[in-house]
Amino acid sequence: MKIRVTEDDIILGRRNSCRRCPVARAGQRATAGLVTVSIINIDGLYLFRRRPSALGATMRDTPLPPDAAKFVHDFDEGLDVSPFEFDLTFEED
């Protein structure tokens, strides 16, 4: 899936916010609100996708590509960032 981070995402995004950073905004838009960005551990940033199942909602995660993780880091640090896009794939069961 293609995730497009726009100028509006950057302007309206919030630093250090898993749910409101530009990448999370773009991911939520591309997946009708089913994706959020989260820091799991020192290995890096991940995108989570909520997925319905017979037993209720389940979570699937995938690491952000390096360019997207760098964007999140730079944005959180207050550095200049520009619109960009990246591909994201969630593994299926």
C-alpha atoms as a PDB file:
ATOM      1  CA  MET A   1       0.000   0.000   0.000  1.00  0.00           C
ATOM      2  CA  LYS A   2       1.226   3.492  -0.836  1.00  0.00           C
ATOM      3  CA  ILE A   3       1.351   5.971   2.060  1.00  0.00           C
ATOM      4  CA  ARG A   4       1.483   9.623   0.983  1.00  0.00           C
ATOM      5  CA  VAL A   5       2.555  12.201   3.570  1.00  0.00           C
ATOM      6  CA  THR A   6       1.283  15.580   2.412  1.00  0.00           C
ATOM      7  CA  GLU A   7       2.101  19.172   3.307  1.00  0.00           C
ATOM      8  CA  ASP A   8      -1.199  19.271   5.231  1.00  0.00           C
ATOM      9  CA  ASP A   9      -0.101  16.220   7.239  1.00  0.00           C
ATOM     10  CA  ILE A  10       3.096  18.057   8.152  1.00  0.00           C
ATOM     11  CA  ILE A  11       1.311  21.303   9.045  1.00  0.00           C
ATOM     12  CA  LEU A  12      -1.417  19.576  11.084  1.00  0.00           C
ATOM     13  CA  GLY A  13       0.794  16.843  12.558  1.00  0.00           C
ATOM     14  CA  ARG A  14       1.901  16.853  16.185  1.00  0.00           C
ATOM     15  CA  ARG A  15       5.422  16.124  17.328  1.00  0.00           C
ATOM     16  CA  ASN A  16       5.921  13.086  19.564  1.00  0.00           C
ATOM     17  CA  SER A  17       2.359  11.890  18.953  1.00  0.00           C
ATOM     18  CA  CYS A  18       1.858   8.291  17.830  1.00  0.00           C
ATOM     19  CA  ARG A  19      -1.630   9.041  16.568  1.00  0.00           C
ATOM     20  CA  ARG A  20      -1.208  12.544  15.167  1.00  0.00           C
ATOM     21  CA  CYS A  21       2.236  12.663  13.565  1.00  0.00           C
ATOM     22  CA  PRO A  22       2.263  13.205   9.769  1.00  0.00           C
ATOM     23  CA  VAL A  23       3.050   9.529   9.051  1.00  0.00           C
ATOM     24  CA  ALA A  24       0.218   8.354  11.311  1.00  0.00           C
ATOM     25  CA  ARG A  25      -2.174  10.840   9.668  1.00  0.00           C
ATOM     26  CA  ALA A  26      -1.207   9.586   6.214  1.00  0.00           C
ATOM     27  CA  GLY A  27      -1.471   5.944   7.287  1.00  0.00           C
ATOM     28  CA  GLN A  28      -4.867   6.515   8.852  1.00  0.00           C
ATOM     29  CA  ARG A  29      -6.103   8.208   5.696  1.00  0.00           C
ATOM     30  CA  ALA A  30      -4.796   5.404   3.454  1.00  0.00           C
ATOM     31  CA  THR A  31      -6.416   2.704   5.611  1.00  0.00           C
ATOM     32  CA  ALA A  32      -9.659   4.387   6.693  1.00  0.00           C
ATOM     33  CA  GLY A  33      -8.361   4.890  10.247  1.00  0.00           C
ATOM     34  CA  LEU A  34      -7.012   1.405  10.854  1.00  0.00           C
ATOM     35  CA  VAL A  35      -3.305   2.324  11.222  1.00  0.00           C
ATOM     36  CA  THR A  36      -1.325   4.074  13.939  1.00  0.00           C
ATOM     37  CA  VAL A  37       2.397   4.631  14.522  1.00  0.00           C
ATOM     38  CA  SER A  38       3.960   3.374  17.717  1.00  0.00           C
ATOM     39  CA  ILE A  39       7.384   2.903  19.215  1.00  0.00           C
ATOM     40  CA  ILE A  40       7.640  -0.722  20.268  1.00  0.00           C
ATOM     41  CA  ASN A  41      11.180  -0.910  21.550  1.00  0.00           C
ATOM     42  CA  ILE A  42      14.679   0.280  20.767  1.00  0.00           C
ATOM     43  CA  ASP A  43      14.548  -1.607  17.463  1.00  0.00           C
ATOM     44  CA  GLY A  44      12.532   1.192  15.957  1.00  0.00           C
ATOM     45  CA  LEU A  45       9.165   2.491  14.909  1.00  0.00           C
ATOM     46  CA  TYR A  46       6.295   0.335  13.776  1.00  0.00           C
ATOM     47  CA  LEU A  47       2.949   0.859  12.150  1.00  0.00           C
ATOM     48  CA  PHE A  48       0.044  -1.037  13.671  1.00  0.00           C
ATOM     49  CA  ARG A  49      -3.081  -2.071  11.839  1.00  0.00           C
ATOM     50  CA  ARG A  50      -6.232  -3.016  13.697  1.00  0.00           C
ATOM     51  CA  ARG A  51      -7.811  -6.015  12.030  1.00  0.00           C
ATOM     52  CA  PRO A  52     -11.165  -7.568  12.865  1.00  0.00           C
ATOM     53  CA  SER A  53     -11.280 -11.278  13.554  1.00  0.00           C
ATOM     54  CA  ALA A  54     -13.774 -13.809  14.848  1.00  0.00           C
ATOM     55  CA  LEU A  55     -12.371 -13.250  18.358  1.00  0.00           C
ATOM     56  CA  GLY A  56     -12.439  -9.444  18.138  1.00  0.00           C
ATOM     57  CA  ALA A  57      -9.906  -6.923  16.928  1.00  0.00           C
ATOM     58  CA  THR A  58      -6.327  -8.093  16.494  1.00  0.00           C
ATOM     59  CA  MET A  59      -3.192  -6.076  15.839  1.00  0.00           C
ATOM     60  CA  ARG A  60      -0.660  -6.576  13.074  1.00  0.00           C
ATOM     61  CA  ASP A  61       2.570  -4.636  12.991  1.00  0.00           C
ATOM     62  CA  THR A  62       5.262  -3.891  10.460  1.00  0.00           C
ATOM     63  CA  PRO A  63       8.463  -1.880  10.787  1.00  0.00           C
ATOM     64  CA  LEU A  64       8.475   1.496   9.104  1.00  0.00           C
ATOM     65  CA  PRO A  65      10.832   1.695   6.132  1.00  0.00           C
ATOM     66  CA  PRO A  66      14.070   3.530   7.024  1.00  0.00           C
ATOM     67  CA  ASP A  67      13.097   6.723   5.154  1.00  0.00           C
ATOM     68  CA  ALA A  68       9.761   6.900   6.987  1.00  0.00           C
ATOM     69  CA  ALA A  69      11.376   6.233  10.376  1.00  0.00           C
ATOM     70  CA  LYS A  70      13.916   9.004   9.664  1.00  0.00           C
ATOM     71  CA  PHE A  71      11.067  11.346   8.731  1.00  0.00           C
ATOM     72  CA  VAL A  72       9.319  10.666  12.068  1.00  0.00           C
ATOM     73  CA  HIS A  73      12.564  11.226  13.970  1.00  0.00           C
ATOM     74  CA  ASP A  74      13.334  14.465  12.108  1.00  0.00           C
ATOM     75  CA  PHE A  75       9.775  15.748  12.531  1.00  0.00           C
ATOM     76  CA  ASP A  76       9.818  14.977  16.265  1.00  0.00           C
ATOM     77  CA  GLU A  77      13.134  16.828  16.598  1.00  0.00           C
ATOM     78  CA  GLY A  78      11.718  19.923  14.867  1.00  0.00           C
ATOM     79  CA  LEU A  79      13.866  19.540  11.755  1.00  0.00           C
ATOM     80  CA  ASP A  80      12.644  20.544   8.305  1.00  0.00           C
ATOM     81  CA  VAL A  81      10.731  17.770   6.542  1.00  0.00           C
ATOM     82  CA  SER A  82       9.025  17.585   3.163  1.00  0.00           C
ATOM     83  CA  PRO A  83       6.107  15.622   1.747  1.00  0.00           C
ATOM     84  CA  PHE A  84       7.049  12.117   0.608  1.00  0.00           C
ATOM     85  CA  GLU A  85       5.558   8.696   0.016  1.00  0.00           C
ATOM     86  CA  PHE A  86       6.509   5.141   0.834  1.00  0.00           C
ATOM     87  CA  ASP A  87       5.230   1.624   0.332  1.00  0.00           C
ATOM     88  CA  LEU A  88       4.028  -0.416   3.279  1.00  0.00           C
ATOM     89  CA  THR A  89       3.156  -4.086   3.440  1.00  0.00           C
ATOM     90  CA  PHE A  90       1.538  -5.929   6.318  1.00  0.00           C
ATOM     91  CA  GLU A  91       2.159  -9.658   6.499  1.00  0.00           C
ATOM     92  CA  GLU A  92      -0.993 -11.712   6.579  1.00  0.00           C
ATOM     93  CA  ASP A  93      -1.626 -14.767   8.749  1.00  0.00           C
END
